Amino acid sequence: MYLNIINNIRHESKRKNKKTDYLLEQEKNNLENESSQIPMIMLALFTIQSFMET
């Protein structure tokens, strides 16, 4: 019985770790996607500023 409880705890712990790893990977991907948009945003702002100065 105790062995079954220990195995259940281990299984649940592994499951939670996988979920956490997945969420961390997803957050990393989100940050990479956001940071890849920064150059385009900067270019757009520069272009708008150039038009406003002329």
PDB file of N, CA and C in Angstrom:
ATOM      1  N   MET A   1       0.819  -1.196   0.000  1.00  0.00           N
ATOM      2  CA  MET A   1       0.000   0.000   0.000  1.00  0.00           C
ATOM      3  C   MET A   1       0.864   1.260   0.000  1.00  0.00           C
ATOM      4  N   TYR A   2       1.879   1.283   0.874  1.00  0.00           N
ATOM      5  CA  TYR A   2       2.751   2.459   0.924  1.00  0.00           C
ATOM      6  C   TYR A   2       3.492   2.660  -0.392  1.00  0.00           C
ATOM      7  N   LEU A   3       3.893   1.560  -0.987  1.00  0.00           N
ATOM      8  CA  LEU A   3       4.586   1.651  -2.272  1.00  0.00           C
ATOM      9  C   LEU A   3       3.676   2.270  -3.335  1.00  0.00           C
ATOM     10  N   ASN A   4       2.420   1.916  -3.319  1.00  0.00           N
ATOM     11  CA  ASN A   4       1.453   2.476  -4.256  1.00  0.00           C
ATOM     12  C   ASN A   4       1.315   3.983  -4.041  1.00  0.00           C
ATOM     13  N   ILE A   5       1.260   4.412  -2.790  1.00  0.00           N
ATOM     14  CA  ILE A   5       1.150   5.841  -2.477  1.00  0.00           C
ATOM     15  C   ILE A   5       2.388   6.583  -2.970  1.00  0.00           C
ATOM     16  N   ILE A   6       3.557   6.012  -2.723  1.00  0.00           N
ATOM     17  CA  ILE A   6       4.814   6.637  -3.161  1.00  0.00           C
ATOM     18  C   ILE A   6       4.852   6.736  -4.683  1.00  0.00           C
ATOM     19  N   ASN A   7       4.442   5.679  -5.364  1.00  0.00           N
ATOM     20  CA  ASN A   7       4.418   5.702  -6.830  1.00  0.00           C
ATOM     21  C   ASN A   7       3.448   6.753  -7.353  1.00  0.00           C
ATOM     22  N   ASN A   8       2.302   6.889  -6.701  1.00  0.00           N
ATOM     23  CA  ASN A   8       1.334   7.909  -7.111  1.00  0.00           C
ATOM     24  C   ASN A   8       1.908   9.308  -6.931  1.00  0.00           C
ATOM     25  N   ILE A   9       2.593   9.520  -5.824  1.00  0.00           N
ATOM     26  CA  ILE A   9       3.216  10.826  -5.574  1.00  0.00           C
ATOM     27  C   ILE A   9       4.277  11.108  -6.629  1.00  0.00           C
ATOM     28  N   ARG A  10       5.102  10.132  -6.938  1.00  0.00           N
ATOM     29  CA  ARG A  10       6.134  10.308  -7.971  1.00  0.00           C
ATOM     30  C   ARG A  10       5.507  10.623  -9.325  1.00  0.00           C
ATOM     31  N   HIS A  11       4.465   9.877  -9.653  1.00  0.00           N
ATOM     32  CA  HIS A  11       3.795  10.088 -10.940  1.00  0.00           C
ATOM     33  C   HIS A  11       3.220  11.501 -11.014  1.00  0.00           C
ATOM     34  N   GLU A  12       2.565  11.931  -9.946  1.00  0.00           N
ATOM     35  CA  GLU A  12       1.964  13.269  -9.915  1.00  0.00           C
ATOM     36  C   GLU A  12       3.048  14.340  -9.998  1.00  0.00           C
ATOM     37  N   SER A  13       4.151  14.112  -9.328  1.00  0.00           N
ATOM     38  CA  SER A  13       5.258  15.065  -9.362  1.00  0.00           C
ATOM     39  C   SER A  13       5.828  15.186 -10.775  1.00  0.00           C
ATOM     40  N   LYS A  14       6.019  14.063 -11.445  1.00  0.00           N
ATOM     41  CA  LYS A  14       6.522  14.089 -12.825  1.00  0.00           C
ATOM     42  C   LYS A  14       5.543  14.800 -13.749  1.00  0.00           C
ATOM     43  N   ARG A  15       4.250  14.537 -13.545  1.00  0.00           N
ATOM     44  CA  ARG A  15       3.229  15.165 -14.375  1.00  0.00           C
ATOM     45  C   ARG A  15       3.257  16.685 -14.198  1.00  0.00           C
ATOM     46  N   LYS A  16       3.376  17.141 -12.964  1.00  0.00           N
ATOM     47  CA  LYS A  16       3.429  18.580 -12.704  1.00  0.00           C
ATOM     48  C   LYS A  16       4.693  19.191 -13.289  1.00  0.00           C
ATOM     49  N   ASN A  17       5.814  18.471 -13.195  1.00  0.00           N
ATOM     50  CA  ASN A  17       7.062  18.979 -13.766  1.00  0.00           C
ATOM     51  C   ASN A  17       6.950  19.122 -15.276  1.00  0.00           C
ATOM     52  N   LYS A  18       6.330  18.154 -15.929  1.00  0.00           N
ATOM     53  CA  LYS A  18       6.152  18.243 -17.383  1.00  0.00           C
ATOM     54  C   LYS A  18       5.285  19.435 -17.743  1.00  0.00           C
ATOM     55  N   LYS A  19       4.228  19.651 -16.953  1.00  0.00           N
ATOM     56  CA  LYS A  19       3.336  20.784 -17.213  1.00  0.00           C
ATOM     57  C   LYS A  19       4.095  22.092 -17.017  1.00  0.00           C
ATOM     58  N   THR A  20       4.895  22.179 -15.954  1.00  0.00           N
ATOM     59  CA  THR A  20       5.688  23.383 -15.694  1.00  0.00           C
ATOM     60  C   THR A  20       6.690  23.605 -16.811  1.00  0.00           C
ATOM     61  N   ASP A  21       7.364  22.535 -17.241  1.00  0.00           N
ATOM     62  CA  ASP A  21       8.324  22.648 -18.338  1.00  0.00           C
ATOM     63  C   ASP A  21       7.631  23.150 -19.604  1.00  0.00           C
ATOM     64  N   TYR A  22       6.439  22.621 -19.863  1.00  0.00           N
ATOM     65  CA  TYR A  22       5.690  23.048 -21.051  1.00  0.00           C
ATOM     66  C   TYR A  22       5.330  24.527 -20.948  1.00  0.00           C
ATOM     67  N   LEU A  23       4.865  24.961 -19.770  1.00  0.00           N
ATOM     68  CA  LEU A  23       4.486  26.360 -19.591  1.00  0.00           C
ATOM     69  C   LEU A  23       5.700  27.275 -19.715  1.00  0.00           C
ATOM     70  N   LEU A  24       6.846  26.846 -19.182  1.00  0.00           N
ATOM     71  CA  LEU A  24       8.065  27.650 -19.307  1.00  0.00           C
ATOM     72  C   LEU A  24       8.500  27.752 -20.764  1.00  0.00           C
ATOM     73  N   GLU A  25       8.408  26.659 -21.493  1.00  0.00           N
ATOM     74  CA  GLU A  25       8.761  26.661 -22.919  1.00  0.00           C
ATOM     75  C   GLU A  25       7.815  27.577 -23.694  1.00  0.00           C
ATOM     76  N   GLN A  26       6.535  27.523 -23.345  1.00  0.00           N
ATOM     77  CA  GLN A  26       5.547  28.371 -24.009  1.00  0.00           C
ATOM     78  C   GLN A  26       5.829  29.849 -23.721  1.00  0.00           C
ATOM     79  N   GLU A  27       6.176  30.172 -22.482  1.00  0.00           N
ATOM     80  CA  GLU A  27       6.491  31.559 -22.120  1.00  0.00           C
ATOM     81  C   GLU A  27       7.749  32.030 -22.843  1.00  0.00           C
ATOM     82  N   LYS A  28       8.742  31.153 -22.953  1.00  0.00           N
ATOM     83  CA  LYS A  28       9.973  31.490 -23.674  1.00  0.00           C
ATOM     84  C   LYS A  28       9.652  31.794 -25.139  1.00  0.00           C
ATOM     85  N   ASN A  29       8.811  30.970 -25.750  1.00  0.00           N
ATOM     86  CA  ASN A  29       8.419  31.200 -27.143  1.00  0.00           C
ATOM     87  C   ASN A  29       7.672  32.515 -27.300  1.00  0.00           C
ATOM     88  N   ASN A  30       6.793  32.820 -26.346  1.00  0.00           N
ATOM     89  CA  ASN A  30       6.061  34.087 -26.402  1.00  0.00           C
ATOM     90  C   ASN A  30       7.016  35.271 -26.335  1.00  0.00           C
ATOM     91  N   LEU A  31       7.997  35.197 -25.435  1.00  0.00           N
ATOM     92  CA  LEU A  31       8.964  36.287 -25.310  1.00  0.00           C
ATOM     93  C   LEU A  31       9.802  36.423 -26.576  1.00  0.00           C
ATOM     94  N   GLU A  32      10.190  35.305 -27.171  1.00  0.00           N
ATOM     95  CA  GLU A  32      10.962  35.357 -28.412  1.00  0.00           C
ATOM     96  C   GLU A  32      10.135  35.981 -29.536  1.00  0.00           C
ATOM     97  N   ASN A  33       8.860  35.636 -29.608  1.00  0.00           N
ATOM     98  CA  ASN A  33       7.994  36.210 -30.641  1.00  0.00           C
ATOM     99  C   ASN A  33       7.842  37.711 -30.447  1.00  0.00           C
ATOM    100  N   GLU A  34       7.656  38.132 -29.201  1.00  0.00           N
ATOM    101  CA  GLU A  34       7.509  39.560 -28.922  1.00  0.00           C
ATOM    102  C   GLU A  34       8.791  40.312 -29.251  1.00  0.00           C
ATOM    103  N   SER A  35       9.934  39.748 -28.866  1.00  0.00           N
ATOM    104  CA  SER A  35      11.197  40.446 -29.102  1.00  0.00           C
ATOM    105  C   SER A  35      11.538  40.491 -30.585  1.00  0.00           C
ATOM    106  N   SER A  36      11.061  39.523 -31.363  1.00  0.00           N
ATOM    107  CA  SER A  36      11.343  39.549 -32.799  1.00  0.00           C
ATOM    108  C   SER A  36      10.536  40.642 -33.495  1.00  0.00           C
ATOM    109  N   GLN A  37       9.485  41.134 -32.851  1.00  0.00           N
ATOM    110  CA  GLN A  37       8.668  42.190 -33.436  1.00  0.00           C
ATOM    111  C   GLN A  37       9.239  43.578 -33.152  1.00  0.00           C
ATOM    112  N   ILE A  38      10.146  43.695 -32.209  1.00  0.00           N
ATOM    113  CA  ILE A  38      10.681  45.005 -31.825  1.00  0.00           C
ATOM    114  C   ILE A  38      11.339  45.730 -32.999  1.00  0.00           C
ATOM    115  N   PRO A  39      12.201  45.093 -33.810  1.00  0.00           N
ATOM    116  CA  PRO A  39      12.791  45.828 -34.943  1.00  0.00           C
ATOM    117  C   PRO A  39      11.745  46.380 -35.905  1.00  0.00           C
ATOM    118  N   MET A  40      10.687  45.635 -36.167  1.00  0.00           N
ATOM    119  CA  MET A  40       9.636  46.119 -37.066  1.00  0.00           C
ATOM    120  C   MET A  40       8.902  47.304 -36.453  1.00  0.00           C
ATOM    121  N   ILE A  41       8.670  47.256 -35.159  1.00  0.00           N
ATOM    122  CA  ILE A  41       8.002  48.368 -34.477  1.00  0.00           C
ATOM    123  C   ILE A  41       8.887  49.608 -34.524  1.00  0.00           C
ATOM    124  N   MET A  42      10.183  49.425 -34.276  1.00  0.00           N
ATOM    125  CA  MET A  42      11.117  50.557 -34.317  1.00  0.00           C
ATOM    126  C   MET A  42      11.159  51.160 -35.721  1.00  0.00           C
ATOM    127  N   LEU A  43      11.173  50.328 -36.741  1.00  0.00           N
ATOM    128  CA  LEU A  43      11.177  50.812 -38.122  1.00  0.00           C
ATOM    129  C   LEU A  43       9.898  51.597 -38.419  1.00  0.00           C
ATOM    130  N   ALA A  44       8.770  51.078 -37.960  1.00  0.00           N
ATOM    131  CA  ALA A  44       7.498  51.772 -38.181  1.00  0.00           C
ATOM    132  C   ALA A  44       7.502  53.130 -37.487  1.00  0.00           C
ATOM    133  N   LEU A  45       7.996  53.184 -36.248  1.00  0.00           N
ATOM    134  CA  LEU A  45       8.049  54.459 -35.525  1.00  0.00           C
ATOM    135  C   LEU A  45       8.980  55.446 -36.218  1.00  0.00           C
ATOM    136  N   PHE A  46      10.119  54.961 -36.689  1.00  0.00           N
ATOM    137  CA  PHE A  46      11.068  55.822 -37.394  1.00  0.00           C
ATOM    138  C   PHE A  46      10.436  56.375 -38.675  1.00  0.00           C
ATOM    139  N   THR A  47       9.722  55.511 -39.402  1.00  0.00           N
ATOM    140  CA  THR A  47       9.061  55.933 -40.643  1.00  0.00           C
ATOM    141  C   THR A  47       7.999  56.993 -40.359  1.00  0.00           C
ATOM    142  N   ILE A  48       7.201  56.769 -39.333  1.00  0.00           N
ATOM    143  CA  ILE A  48       6.169  57.751 -38.962  1.00  0.00           C
ATOM    144  C   ILE A  48       6.811  59.074 -38.571  1.00  0.00           C
ATOM    145  N   GLN A  49       7.885  58.997 -37.804  1.00  0.00           N
ATOM    146  CA  GLN A  49       8.579  60.216 -37.381  1.00  0.00           C
ATOM    147  C   GLN A  49       9.130  60.964 -38.592  1.00  0.00           C
ATOM    148  N   SER A  50       9.678  60.233 -39.554  1.00  0.00           N
ATOM    149  CA  SER A  50      10.223  60.857 -40.762  1.00  0.00           C
ATOM    150  C   SER A  50       9.130  61.580 -41.542  1.00  0.00           C
ATOM    151  N   PHE A  51       7.963  60.971 -41.668  1.00  0.00           N
ATOM    152  CA  PHE A  51       6.853  61.613 -42.381  1.00  0.00           C
ATOM    153  C   PHE A  51       6.360  62.854 -41.647  1.00  0.00           C
ATOM    154  N   MET A  52       6.382  62.814 -40.328  1.00  0.00           N
ATOM    155  CA  MET A  52       5.887  63.952 -39.553  1.00  0.00           C
ATOM    156  C   MET A  52       6.838  65.142 -39.643  1.00  0.00           C
ATOM    157  N   GLU A  53       8.127  64.879 -39.851  1.00  0.00           N
ATOM    158  CA  GLU A  53       9.119  65.952 -39.928  1.00  0.00           C
ATOM    159  C   GLU A  53       9.104  66.643 -41.280  1.00  0.00           C
ATOM    160  N   THR A  54       8.593  65.970 -42.301  1.00  0.00           N
ATOM    161  CA  THR A  54       8.600  66.578 -43.642  1.00  0.00           C
ATOM    162  C   THR A  54       7.364  67.381 -43.915  1.00  0.00           C
TER     163      THR A  54
END
